[in-house]
Amino acid sequence: MKKRLSCICALMLALALLLSACGSPSAPSDSGGDVSDPSGDGPSKVINIALSENNLDLDPHNTTTLPGIATMYMEFDTLVESDHEGNYSPCLATEWEVSDDGLSWTFKLREDVTFHTGEEFDSADVVCTFQRHIDNPVLSNAASQWPYLESVEALDKYTVKITNSEPFGCTLMSCARTWIIPDEAFAEYGEELFTTPISCGTGPWILDEWVDGQYTHFYKNENYWGDFDSYYDEVYFRHILEPASAITAHINGDVQAYISTGGISNELLSMYDNASNIELVTVESGTYMYIGLQCGEDSVFHDQDVRKAFELAIDRQLCVDAVYGGMGKVPNGIIVDTCMGYNPDEPPYEYDPELAAEILAASSYDGREITLSTNTSTNKGEQLLLVISEMLNEVGFNSKVENVESATLLAMRTEGNYDAFLVANMHPDGDAYFTLNQRILNDIHHSDFVSEEMNNLILESNASTDNAFRAECFSQVNHLIREANGPHTAICQLDQIEAIDYGVTGLMLYSDGYFNYRWVTYDPSLVP
């Protein structure tokens, strides 16, 4: 069976490579993105960064996609700044302290900051920001990062107190993900502040324009309060979903970096072989591909035996080798080795198609068709699902694959309108808090899977500031997911390679899978 599947994979990848070189969208052509420098003194003051996903939202408190989060990094600041490895430093707050009972956090604020709108930053803006979370708990940021947020109070013009209803060990991490908005502009515009390109942050870049599916444009904030001064005057995010088009644009000089979610496809890397001005950067990544299962009463995956057969039918190592050219590894759960709580002793996923067929035949599965869904922005998502679909069908499943736009899959998951979906995920700051709270405790993707034991462990980890205890909770949840064969099953953990022109620096590619381009600049000494 494995030999036949390997042949299928090889043929499929050859076809994908052929198609990727044909019929692709054109490279950037709109005005404002000229990369020439008439003076001849150096590269253009405009940099174009190609991204593999579209931006979907301008709301800093309701954005979940990587391009959306990257946009927030450009435009906004937070109270504290994260290095994405569990350490935090001052940003809009200069210092902070926590009360003895662990409930209240008091922050002293900077006094030299101005919003893009022209208004002065002070404690009223922090109150406005956090009150919005309290008043709108359905905001993704509120639901995922502030489960215990109770009140926010201005103690004076530059001191603010945030109080949780329970001790919350992730308060600083959540602060590092909460972008501060201006209270006067929000009072004037309301939600319209985030549906039109009104730049309203305090960050080093000012949002100028967002053209859906094409580009997001920023220009430098000459009045930025920090000591950063980029070589560049303008930054364009070019949303180029077709990989070969993005690489061609890069090689031709139309873009100066190509950052692909999950990394650039391995079979396309050879396109860069003769591009002596471009560096291929390898990122030690905790990004992993997983399949989420719909476990509601009417779903085939409500039956744990069906879920178990599903897991046993997948040869994960073959997926890594055939689809990703060996550029990755097989994790032993959704808590991967870059995350707090990773347990190297957790048994690996088992591949046993014969046992899978036996369990499936004895289960409640009635042969109905199962749709495996992914989106066009997931690195080789369709190819991976085609391989998995073949494996599933070999043991008795009746499955097919669909590849939809990112916004479509997001809507499907929000509504629970799916059988199984494949996406990439990562753990911000090496902490599983967001993943476990969003996807298990709060079930934002409506899997309809419920485990009180898992939920209690997650709640206990939320309330603790003891990282050793929290890590043990994460490890136990991962083990319970493995025992229940759902609602998630990890497929592979990917190595990540991105492409950046020599001399371009300050593009932060974190091991937790997030990107931050706010410090982008140019250093001629880095050009070979």
Protein backbone atom coordinates (compact mmCIF):
# COMPACT_ATOMS: atom_id res chain seq x y z
CA MET A 1 0.00 0.00 0.00
CA LYS A 2 2.80 2.41 0.93
CA LYS A 3 4.59 1.90 -2.40
CA ARG A 4 1.40 2.66 -4.36
CA LEU A 5 0.73 5.76 -2.25
CA SER A 6 4.28 6.97 -2.83
CA CYS A 7 3.72 6.73 -6.58
CA ILE A 8 0.48 8.66 -6.22
CA CYS A 9 2.28 11.35 -4.22
CA ALA A 10 5.07 11.66 -6.79
CA LEU A 11 2.66 12.04 -9.69
CA MET A 12 0.52 14.49 -7.79
CA LEU A 13 3.48 16.69 -6.84
CA ALA A 14 4.79 16.74 -10.39
CA LEU A 15 1.38 17.90 -11.60
CA ALA A 16 1.21 20.55 -8.85
CA LEU A 17 4.62 21.92 -9.82
CA LEU A 18 3.60 22.10 -13.49
CA LEU A 19 0.38 23.92 -12.64
CA SER A 20 2.12 26.34 -10.29
CA ALA A 21 4.28 27.61 -13.14
CA CYS A 22 1.30 28.36 -15.38
CA GLY A 23 -1.74 30.60 -15.32
CA SER A 24 -0.70 32.47 -12.19
CA PRO A 25 -1.83 35.96 -11.12
CA SER A 26 0.37 38.79 -12.32
CA ALA A 27 3.10 40.39 -10.22
CA PRO A 28 2.43 43.73 -8.46
CA SER A 29 1.68 46.49 -10.95
CA ASP A 30 -0.25 49.23 -9.13
CA SER A 31 1.25 52.67 -8.67
CA GLY A 32 3.23 53.43 -5.53
CA GLY A 33 5.28 50.23 -5.51
CA ASP A 34 8.22 51.37 -7.67
CA VAL A 35 11.42 49.71 -6.49
CA SER A 36 13.83 51.81 -8.58
CA ASP A 37 16.00 54.53 -7.05
CA PRO A 38 16.53 57.41 -9.49
CA SER A 39 19.40 58.80 -7.40
CA GLY A 40 21.37 55.59 -7.73
CA ASP A 41 22.51 55.90 -4.10
CA GLY A 42 20.85 52.69 -2.91
CA PRO A 43 17.72 50.60 -3.18
CA SER A 44 14.29 52.17 -3.29
CA LYS A 45 12.81 53.65 -0.14
CA VAL A 46 9.76 51.48 -0.86
CA ILE A 47 9.88 47.82 0.14
CA ASN A 48 7.43 45.17 -1.06
CA ILE A 49 6.92 42.05 1.05
CA ALA A 50 5.01 39.20 -0.61
CA LEU A 51 2.71 37.29 1.74
CA SER A 52 0.98 34.00 0.92
CA GLU A 53 -2.33 34.95 2.58
CA ASN A 54 -4.87 37.73 2.23
CA ASN A 55 -5.56 40.27 4.93
CA LEU A 56 -9.12 39.78 6.14
CA ASP A 57 -9.75 42.38 8.83
CA LEU A 58 -8.52 45.77 10.10
CA ASP A 59 -9.97 45.33 13.60
CA PRO A 60 -7.04 44.98 16.03
CA HIS A 61 -9.20 43.08 18.50
CA ASN A 62 -10.83 40.70 16.05
CA THR A 63 -7.95 39.62 13.81
CA THR A 64 -6.74 36.02 13.75
CA THR A 65 -4.85 35.59 10.46
CA LEU A 66 -1.07 36.02 10.20
CA PRO A 67 -1.27 38.93 7.71
CA GLY A 68 -3.84 40.59 9.95
CA ILE A 69 -1.63 40.24 13.00
CA ALA A 70 1.37 41.47 10.98
CA THR A 71 -0.67 44.54 10.04
CA MET A 72 -1.37 45.22 13.71
CA TYR A 73 2.34 44.99 14.55
CA MET A 74 3.00 47.70 11.96
CA GLU A 75 0.30 50.10 13.10
CA PHE A 76 -0.27 49.55 16.82
CA ASP A 77 1.58 49.19 20.10
CA THR A 78 0.75 47.16 23.20
CA LEU A 79 1.42 47.70 26.89
CA VAL A 80 4.25 45.15 26.88
CA GLU A 81 6.28 43.55 24.13
CA SER A 82 6.97 39.82 23.75
CA ASP A 83 10.09 38.15 22.38
CA HIS A 84 7.89 35.11 21.56
CA GLU A 85 9.93 32.92 23.86
CA GLY A 86 8.13 33.76 27.11
CA ASN A 87 9.88 37.03 28.00
CA TYR A 88 8.26 40.48 28.16
CA SER A 89 9.65 44.02 28.07
CA PRO A 90 8.17 47.54 28.33
CA CYS A 91 6.34 49.09 25.40
CA LEU A 92 3.54 51.59 26.10
CA ALA A 93 3.89 50.62 29.75
CA THR A 94 7.23 51.41 31.40
CA GLU A 95 6.75 49.21 34.46
CA TRP A 96 4.12 47.08 36.17
CA GLU A 97 3.32 45.17 39.34
CA VAL A 98 0.79 42.54 40.37
CA SER A 99 -1.23 42.50 43.58
CA ASP A 100 -0.57 39.90 46.27
CA ASP A 101 -3.79 38.07 45.41
CA GLY A 102 -2.78 37.88 41.73
CA LEU A 103 -5.94 39.63 40.54
CA SER A 104 -4.88 43.21 39.77
CA TRP A 105 -2.08 44.45 37.53
CA THR A 106 -0.99 48.09 37.72
CA PHE A 107 0.84 49.64 34.77
CA LYS A 108 2.75 52.94 34.59
CA LEU A 109 2.44 54.45 31.10
CA ARG A 110 4.73 56.39 28.80
CA GLU A 111 4.14 60.14 28.64
CA ASP A 112 5.64 60.88 25.22
CA VAL A 113 3.34 59.02 22.83
CA THR A 114 0.94 60.33 20.19
CA PHE A 115 -1.56 58.37 18.10
CA HIS A 116 -1.64 58.60 14.31
CA THR A 117 -4.92 60.48 14.76
CA GLY A 118 -3.04 63.24 16.61
CA GLU A 119 -4.42 62.64 20.09
CA GLU A 120 -2.15 62.10 23.07
CA PHE A 121 -1.84 58.63 24.58
CA ASP A 122 -2.79 58.25 28.23
CA SER A 123 -4.68 55.97 30.60
CA ALA A 124 -8.06 56.84 29.02
CA ASP A 125 -6.97 54.98 25.87
CA VAL A 126 -6.05 51.88 27.85
CA VAL A 127 -9.40 52.02 29.63
CA CYS A 128 -11.18 52.36 26.27
CA THR A 129 -9.28 49.41 24.83
CA PHE A 130 -9.94 47.00 27.68
CA GLN A 131 -13.51 48.20 28.23
CA ARG A 132 -14.20 47.29 24.61
CA HIS A 133 -13.11 43.73 25.45
CA ILE A 134 -15.40 43.67 28.49
CA ASP A 135 -18.36 45.05 26.51
CA ASN A 136 -17.77 42.78 23.49
CA PRO A 137 -16.79 39.31 24.75
CA VAL A 138 -17.40 37.84 21.29
CA LEU A 139 -14.36 39.65 19.90
CA SER A 140 -11.75 37.03 19.10
CA ASN A 141 -9.18 38.82 21.26
CA ALA A 142 -11.59 39.02 24.20
CA ALA A 143 -12.66 35.40 23.93
CA SER A 144 -9.20 33.94 23.50
CA GLN A 145 -7.02 36.16 25.68
CA TRP A 146 -9.13 37.70 28.44
CA PRO A 147 -11.41 35.03 29.95
CA TYR A 148 -11.32 36.64 33.42
CA LEU A 149 -11.13 40.34 32.57
CA GLU A 150 -13.37 42.09 35.08
CA SER A 151 -12.52 45.79 35.12
CA VAL A 152 -10.07 48.46 34.01
CA GLU A 153 -9.50 51.69 35.93
CA ALA A 154 -7.46 54.84 35.36
CA LEU A 155 -5.71 55.64 38.66
CA ASP A 156 -4.31 58.83 37.17
CA LYS A 157 -3.42 60.14 33.71
CA TYR A 158 -0.52 57.73 33.33
CA THR A 159 -1.41 54.86 35.64
CA VAL A 160 -3.97 52.15 34.95
CA LYS A 161 -5.14 49.07 36.83
CA ILE A 162 -6.45 45.94 35.12
CA THR A 163 -8.33 43.46 37.30
CA ASN A 164 -9.22 39.85 36.56
CA SER A 165 -11.91 37.92 38.40
CA GLU A 166 -9.40 35.10 38.99
CA PRO A 167 -5.60 34.93 39.03
CA PHE A 168 -4.49 34.75 35.40
CA GLY A 169 -0.99 33.48 34.64
CA CYS A 170 -1.10 34.73 31.04
CA THR A 171 -1.83 38.38 31.79
CA LEU A 172 1.42 39.70 30.33
CA MET A 173 1.12 37.47 27.28
CA SER A 174 -2.42 38.73 26.74
CA CYS A 175 -1.28 42.33 27.18
CA ALA A 176 1.32 41.73 24.48
CA ARG A 177 -1.55 40.73 22.15
CA THR A 178 -3.89 43.61 22.99
CA TRP A 179 -3.39 46.59 20.70
CA ILE A 180 -4.16 49.96 22.28
CA ILE A 181 -6.70 52.17 20.46
CA PRO A 182 -7.43 55.93 20.90
CA ASP A 183 -10.48 56.64 23.03
CA GLU A 184 -11.45 59.92 21.33
CA ALA A 185 -11.32 58.49 17.81
CA PHE A 186 -13.26 55.40 18.95
CA ALA A 187 -15.90 57.63 20.53
CA GLU A 188 -16.20 59.56 17.26
CA TYR A 189 -16.14 56.73 14.74
CA GLY A 190 -17.14 53.64 16.71
CA GLU A 191 -16.72 50.36 14.83
CA GLU A 192 -16.22 52.35 11.63
CA LEU A 193 -12.73 53.05 12.92
CA PHE A 194 -11.85 49.46 11.93
CA THR A 195 -13.86 49.06 8.72
CA THR A 196 -12.17 51.89 6.86
CA PRO A 197 -8.42 52.58 6.67
CA ILE A 198 -8.30 55.20 9.41
CA SER A 199 -4.85 54.67 10.91
CA CYS A 200 -5.37 54.84 14.65
CA GLY A 201 -2.36 53.27 16.33
CA THR A 202 0.85 54.55 17.88
CA GLY A 203 3.21 52.26 15.97
CA PRO A 204 6.13 53.04 13.64
CA TRP A 205 4.02 52.67 10.48
CA ILE A 206 0.81 54.40 9.43
CA LEU A 207 -1.81 52.44 7.51
CA ASP A 208 -2.56 54.18 4.22
CA GLU A 209 -4.67 51.72 2.20
CA TRP A 210 -5.90 48.15 2.15
CA VAL A 211 -7.05 46.74 -1.18
CA ASP A 212 -8.62 43.38 -0.45
CA GLY A 213 -6.74 40.54 -2.13
CA GLN A 214 -4.02 42.81 -3.50
CA TYR A 215 -2.00 44.82 -0.99
CA THR A 216 -1.81 46.60 2.34
CA HIS A 217 0.18 49.86 2.23
CA PHE A 218 1.95 51.69 5.07
CA TYR A 219 4.13 54.76 5.26
CA LYS A 220 6.62 55.69 7.96
CA ASN A 221 5.42 57.44 11.11
CA GLU A 222 7.84 60.38 11.31
CA ASN A 223 6.59 61.13 14.84
CA TYR A 224 7.07 57.63 16.25
CA TRP A 225 7.87 57.78 19.96
CA GLY A 226 10.52 55.03 19.81
CA ASP A 227 14.12 55.28 18.63
CA PHE A 228 13.54 53.21 15.47
CA ASP A 229 14.00 54.98 12.14
CA SER A 230 13.69 52.70 9.12
CA TYR A 231 15.64 53.19 5.93
CA TYR A 232 12.33 52.68 4.14
CA ASP A 233 9.62 55.31 3.79
CA GLU A 234 6.88 52.92 2.65
CA VAL A 235 6.03 49.26 3.08
CA TYR A 236 3.68 47.19 0.93
CA PHE A 237 2.34 43.80 1.92
CA ARG A 238 1.67 42.11 -1.43
CA HIS A 239 -0.92 39.38 -1.01
CA ILE A 240 0.16 36.88 -3.69
CA LEU A 241 -1.51 33.56 -3.02
CA GLU A 242 0.02 31.59 -5.89
CA PRO A 243 3.55 30.55 -4.80
CA ALA A 244 5.26 30.51 -8.22
CA SER A 245 3.92 34.01 -8.91
CA ALA A 246 5.34 35.29 -5.63
CA ILE A 247 8.74 33.73 -6.30
CA THR A 248 8.80 35.07 -9.86
CA ALA A 249 7.96 38.54 -8.57
CA HIS A 250 10.77 38.21 -6.03
CA ILE A 251 13.38 37.05 -8.54
CA ASN A 252 12.34 39.84 -10.92
CA GLY A 253 12.83 42.42 -8.18
CA ASP A 254 9.17 43.39 -7.84
CA VAL A 255 9.22 42.26 -4.20
CA GLN A 256 12.15 42.15 -1.81
CA ALA A 257 10.97 39.32 0.44
CA TYR A 258 8.60 36.38 0.17
CA ILE A 259 7.16 35.16 3.47
CA SER A 260 4.93 32.13 3.05
CA THR A 261 2.81 30.80 5.90
CA GLY A 262 4.41 27.50 6.89
CA GLY A 263 7.40 28.17 4.64
CA ILE A 264 8.04 28.09 0.90
CA SER A 265 7.16 24.79 -0.78
CA ASN A 266 10.26 22.61 -1.03
CA GLU A 267 9.82 21.78 -4.73
CA LEU A 268 9.77 25.49 -5.56
CA LEU A 269 12.98 26.41 -3.74
CA SER A 270 15.06 25.54 -6.80
CA MET A 271 13.53 28.58 -8.51
CA TYR A 272 15.90 30.62 -6.34
CA ASP A 273 19.05 28.71 -7.42
CA ASN A 274 20.42 31.53 -9.57
CA ALA A 275 19.15 34.43 -7.46
CA SER A 276 22.45 35.52 -5.91
CA ASN A 277 20.89 38.57 -4.23
CA ILE A 278 18.36 36.54 -2.23
CA GLU A 279 18.98 34.61 0.99
CA LEU A 280 16.96 31.52 1.95
CA VAL A 281 16.37 31.74 5.70
CA THR A 282 15.56 28.63 7.73
CA VAL A 283 13.34 29.16 10.78
CA GLU A 284 13.19 26.67 13.64
CA SER A 285 9.44 26.54 13.63
CA GLY A 286 6.77 25.16 15.92
CA THR A 287 4.22 25.41 13.10
CA TYR A 288 2.28 22.18 12.72
CA MET A 289 -0.47 20.93 10.45
CA TYR A 290 -3.50 19.44 12.15
CA ILE A 291 -6.93 18.14 11.22
CA GLY A 292 -9.94 19.31 13.20
CA LEU A 293 -12.90 16.93 13.34
CA GLN A 294 -16.60 17.76 13.59
CA CYS A 295 -17.75 15.60 16.51
CA GLY A 296 -21.42 16.61 16.82
CA GLU A 297 -24.11 14.00 17.27
CA ASP A 298 -24.94 13.89 13.55
CA SER A 299 -21.28 13.64 12.51
CA VAL A 300 -19.50 10.42 11.65
CA PHE A 301 -16.76 11.53 14.06
CA HIS A 302 -19.11 11.53 17.03
CA ASP A 303 -18.10 7.87 17.30
CA GLN A 304 -14.63 7.57 18.86
CA ASP A 305 -14.03 4.34 16.95
CA VAL A 306 -14.38 6.27 13.70
CA ARG A 307 -11.90 8.85 14.99
CA LYS A 308 -9.51 6.10 16.00
CA ALA A 309 -9.73 4.44 12.59
CA PHE A 310 -9.14 7.85 11.01
CA GLU A 311 -5.90 8.34 12.97
CA LEU A 312 -4.63 4.80 12.38
CA ALA A 313 -5.17 5.13 8.62
CA ILE A 314 -2.73 8.05 8.19
CA ASP A 315 0.95 7.39 7.51
CA ARG A 316 2.31 10.69 8.83
CA GLN A 317 5.94 10.00 7.95
CA LEU A 318 4.95 9.36 4.34
CA CYS A 319 3.09 12.68 4.40
CA VAL A 320 6.24 14.48 5.55
CA ASP A 321 8.45 12.73 3.01
CA ALA A 322 6.18 12.76 -0.03
CA VAL A 323 4.42 16.09 0.36
CA TYR A 324 7.06 18.18 2.11
CA GLY A 325 10.21 16.50 0.78
CA GLY A 326 11.24 15.42 4.27
CA MET A 327 11.35 19.04 5.47
CA GLY A 328 9.64 18.38 8.77
CA LYS A 329 8.89 15.71 11.31
CA VAL A 330 5.99 13.85 12.89
CA PRO A 331 4.88 15.34 16.24
CA ASN A 332 3.32 13.25 19.01
CA GLY A 333 0.38 15.59 19.50
CA ILE A 334 -0.64 19.22 19.22
CA ILE A 335 1.77 20.25 22.02
CA VAL A 336 4.91 20.29 19.88
CA ASP A 337 8.54 20.48 20.99
CA THR A 338 8.74 24.30 20.86
CA CYS A 339 5.90 24.58 23.37
CA MET A 340 5.71 24.51 27.14
CA GLY A 341 4.35 21.12 28.21
CA TYR A 342 5.85 19.08 25.39
CA ASN A 343 6.32 15.49 26.55
CA PRO A 344 8.90 13.51 24.55
CA ASP A 345 7.65 10.31 26.20
CA GLU A 346 4.15 10.62 24.73
CA PRO A 347 3.88 7.65 22.31
CA PRO A 348 4.06 8.49 18.61
CA TYR A 349 1.00 8.26 16.39
CA GLU A 350 0.51 4.69 15.20
CA TYR A 351 0.04 3.79 11.53
CA ASP A 352 -1.87 0.53 11.12
CA PRO A 353 -4.23 0.44 8.10
CA GLU A 354 -5.31 -3.13 8.75
CA LEU A 355 -6.41 -2.31 12.30
CA ALA A 356 -8.00 0.91 11.03
CA ALA A 357 -10.10 -1.06 8.53
CA GLU A 358 -11.15 -3.53 11.23
CA ILE A 359 -12.18 -0.84 13.71
CA LEU A 360 -14.00 1.17 11.04
CA ALA A 361 -15.97 -1.87 9.87
CA ALA A 362 -17.18 -2.50 13.43
CA SER A 363 -18.02 1.17 14.08
CA SER A 364 -21.18 3.18 13.39
CA TYR A 365 -19.75 4.54 10.15
CA ASP A 366 -22.39 4.16 7.43
CA GLY A 367 -20.26 4.91 4.38
CA ARG A 368 -21.42 8.50 3.97
CA GLU A 369 -19.11 10.85 2.10
CA ILE A 370 -16.68 12.84 4.23
CA THR A 371 -15.28 16.14 2.94
CA LEU A 372 -11.74 17.03 3.92
CA SER A 373 -11.45 20.83 3.66
CA THR A 374 -8.48 23.18 3.57
CA ASN A 375 -7.80 26.67 2.25
CA THR A 376 -5.71 28.02 -0.58
CA SER A 377 -3.29 29.69 1.85
CA THR A 378 -2.29 26.53 3.70
CA ASN A 379 1.13 25.32 2.55
CA LYS A 380 0.42 22.28 0.33
CA GLY A 381 -2.86 21.77 2.14
CA GLU A 382 -4.69 20.34 -0.86
CA GLN A 383 -1.81 18.04 -1.77
CA LEU A 384 -1.57 16.77 1.79
CA LEU A 385 -5.31 16.09 1.97
CA LEU A 386 -5.27 14.24 -1.35
CA VAL A 387 -2.66 11.89 0.08
CA ILE A 388 -4.60 11.47 3.32
CA SER A 389 -7.87 10.96 1.43
CA GLU A 390 -6.31 8.08 -0.52
CA MET A 391 -5.13 6.52 2.73
CA LEU A 392 -8.57 6.87 4.31
CA ASN A 393 -10.36 5.40 1.32
CA GLU A 394 -8.02 2.41 1.38
CA VAL A 395 -9.37 1.39 4.80
CA GLY A 396 -13.05 1.94 3.99
CA PHE A 397 -13.75 5.65 4.33
CA ASN A 398 -15.53 7.52 1.55
CA SER A 399 -13.69 10.83 1.45
CA LYS A 400 -13.12 13.72 -0.94
CA VAL A 401 -11.06 16.92 -0.79
CA GLU A 402 -12.05 20.58 -1.21
CA ASN A 403 -9.75 23.60 -1.31
CA VAL A 404 -11.47 26.91 -0.57
CA GLU A 405 -10.50 30.53 0.08
CA SER A 406 -9.26 31.43 3.58
CA ALA A 407 -12.36 33.48 4.39
CA THR A 408 -14.63 30.62 3.31
CA LEU A 409 -12.90 28.08 5.52
CA LEU A 410 -12.92 30.52 8.42
CA ALA A 411 -16.70 30.90 8.04
CA MET A 412 -17.12 27.12 7.84
CA ARG A 413 -15.18 26.63 11.05
CA THR A 414 -16.99 29.48 12.81
CA GLU A 415 -20.32 27.84 11.97
CA GLY A 416 -19.16 24.25 12.54
CA ASN A 417 -20.10 23.54 8.92
CA TYR A 418 -17.47 20.92 8.07
CA ASP A 419 -16.58 17.25 8.43
CA ALA A 420 -12.84 17.71 8.83
CA PHE A 421 -10.52 20.64 8.10
CA LEU A 422 -6.77 20.94 7.72
CA VAL A 423 -4.92 24.11 8.76
CA ALA A 424 -1.58 25.14 10.20
CA ASN A 425 -1.30 26.26 13.81
CA MET A 426 1.34 27.49 16.21
CA HIS A 427 1.63 28.30 19.92
CA PRO A 428 2.28 32.03 20.52
CA ASP A 429 5.22 32.63 22.84
CA GLY A 430 5.69 28.86 23.14
CA ASP A 431 2.59 28.74 25.33
CA ALA A 432 -0.43 26.55 24.55
CA TYR A 433 -2.86 28.90 26.27
CA PHE A 434 -4.43 30.34 23.12
CA THR A 435 -4.76 27.02 21.33
CA LEU A 436 -6.30 25.16 24.23
CA ASN A 437 -8.63 27.96 25.28
CA GLN A 438 -9.81 28.81 21.77
CA ARG A 439 -10.07 25.37 20.25
CA ILE A 440 -10.87 23.13 23.23
CA LEU A 441 -12.34 25.12 26.13
CA ASN A 442 -14.25 27.72 24.09
CA ASP A 443 -14.62 25.52 20.99
CA ILE A 444 -14.54 28.50 18.62
CA HIS A 445 -14.56 26.14 15.64
CA HIS A 446 -17.67 24.37 16.91
CA SER A 447 -16.30 20.86 16.87
CA ASP A 448 -18.98 19.98 19.47
CA PHE A 449 -16.41 17.85 21.29
CA VAL A 450 -16.67 18.15 25.08
CA SER A 451 -14.34 16.78 27.74
CA GLU A 452 -14.83 18.10 31.25
CA GLU A 453 -11.48 16.65 32.27
CA MET A 454 -9.69 18.61 29.55
CA ASN A 455 -11.63 21.76 30.33
CA ASN A 456 -10.80 21.56 34.04
CA LEU A 457 -7.09 21.15 33.29
CA ILE A 458 -7.18 24.18 30.99
CA LEU A 459 -8.96 26.27 33.62
CA GLU A 460 -6.39 25.23 36.24
CA SER A 461 -3.54 26.22 33.93
CA ASN A 462 -5.18 29.59 33.27
CA ALA A 463 -5.32 30.46 36.94
CA SER A 464 -1.73 29.56 37.77
CA THR A 465 1.41 31.67 37.50
CA ASP A 466 3.57 28.56 38.10
CA ASN A 467 4.88 27.63 34.65
CA ALA A 468 5.92 24.15 35.76
CA PHE A 469 2.35 23.44 36.86
CA ARG A 470 0.94 24.94 33.67
CA ALA A 471 3.29 22.83 31.56
CA GLU A 472 2.08 19.68 33.30
CA CYS A 473 -1.55 20.68 32.61
CA PHE A 474 -0.75 21.17 28.92
CA SER A 475 0.96 17.79 28.77
CA GLN A 476 -2.04 16.08 30.33
CA VAL A 477 -4.46 17.76 27.91
CA ASN A 478 -2.33 16.62 24.99
CA HIS A 479 -2.42 13.08 26.36
CA LEU A 480 -6.20 13.17 26.75
CA ILE A 481 -6.60 14.40 23.17
CA ARG A 482 -4.46 11.48 22.03
CA GLU A 483 -6.56 9.05 24.09
CA ALA A 484 -9.84 10.49 22.71
CA ASN A 485 -8.51 10.61 19.12
CA GLY A 486 -9.88 14.11 18.85
CA PRO A 487 -11.12 16.69 18.34
CA HIS A 488 -7.71 17.39 16.75
CA THR A 489 -5.10 15.14 15.25
CA ALA A 490 -1.64 16.46 14.42
CA ILE A 491 -0.18 15.47 11.07
CA CYS A 492 3.29 17.00 10.76
CA GLN A 493 5.53 19.75 12.13
CA LEU A 494 7.18 21.74 9.37
CA ASP A 495 10.59 23.17 8.80
CA GLN A 496 10.15 26.71 7.49
CA ILE A 497 12.20 28.43 4.79
CA GLU A 498 11.57 32.02 3.72
CA ALA A 499 13.30 34.19 1.10
CA ILE A 500 14.66 37.70 1.78
CA ASP A 501 16.91 40.00 -0.22
CA TYR A 502 20.38 40.46 1.20
CA GLY A 503 20.52 43.78 3.02
CA VAL A 504 16.88 43.68 4.12
CA THR A 505 16.83 43.19 7.87
CA GLY A 506 14.45 43.50 10.80
CA LEU A 507 11.91 40.96 9.51
CA MET A 508 11.20 39.00 12.67
CA LEU A 509 10.41 35.34 11.93
CA TYR A 510 9.61 33.79 15.28
CA SER A 511 9.85 30.11 16.21
CA ASP A 512 6.20 30.19 17.31
CA GLY A 513 5.22 30.76 13.66
CA TYR A 514 4.37 34.46 13.91
CA PHE A 515 5.83 37.22 11.73
CA ASN A 516 6.59 40.82 12.69
CA TYR A 517 7.82 43.29 10.05
CA ARG A 518 7.62 46.55 12.02
CA TRP A 519 11.41 46.79 12.39
CA VAL A 520 12.14 46.32 8.68
CA THR A 521 15.08 48.38 7.43
CA TYR A 522 18.09 48.11 5.12
CA ASP A 523 21.72 47.48 6.02
CA PRO A 524 24.16 47.57 3.07
CA SER A 525 26.82 45.79 5.14
CA LEU A 526 24.71 42.61 4.93
CA VAL A 527 24.95 42.49 1.13
CA PRO A 528 27.63 39.95 0.04
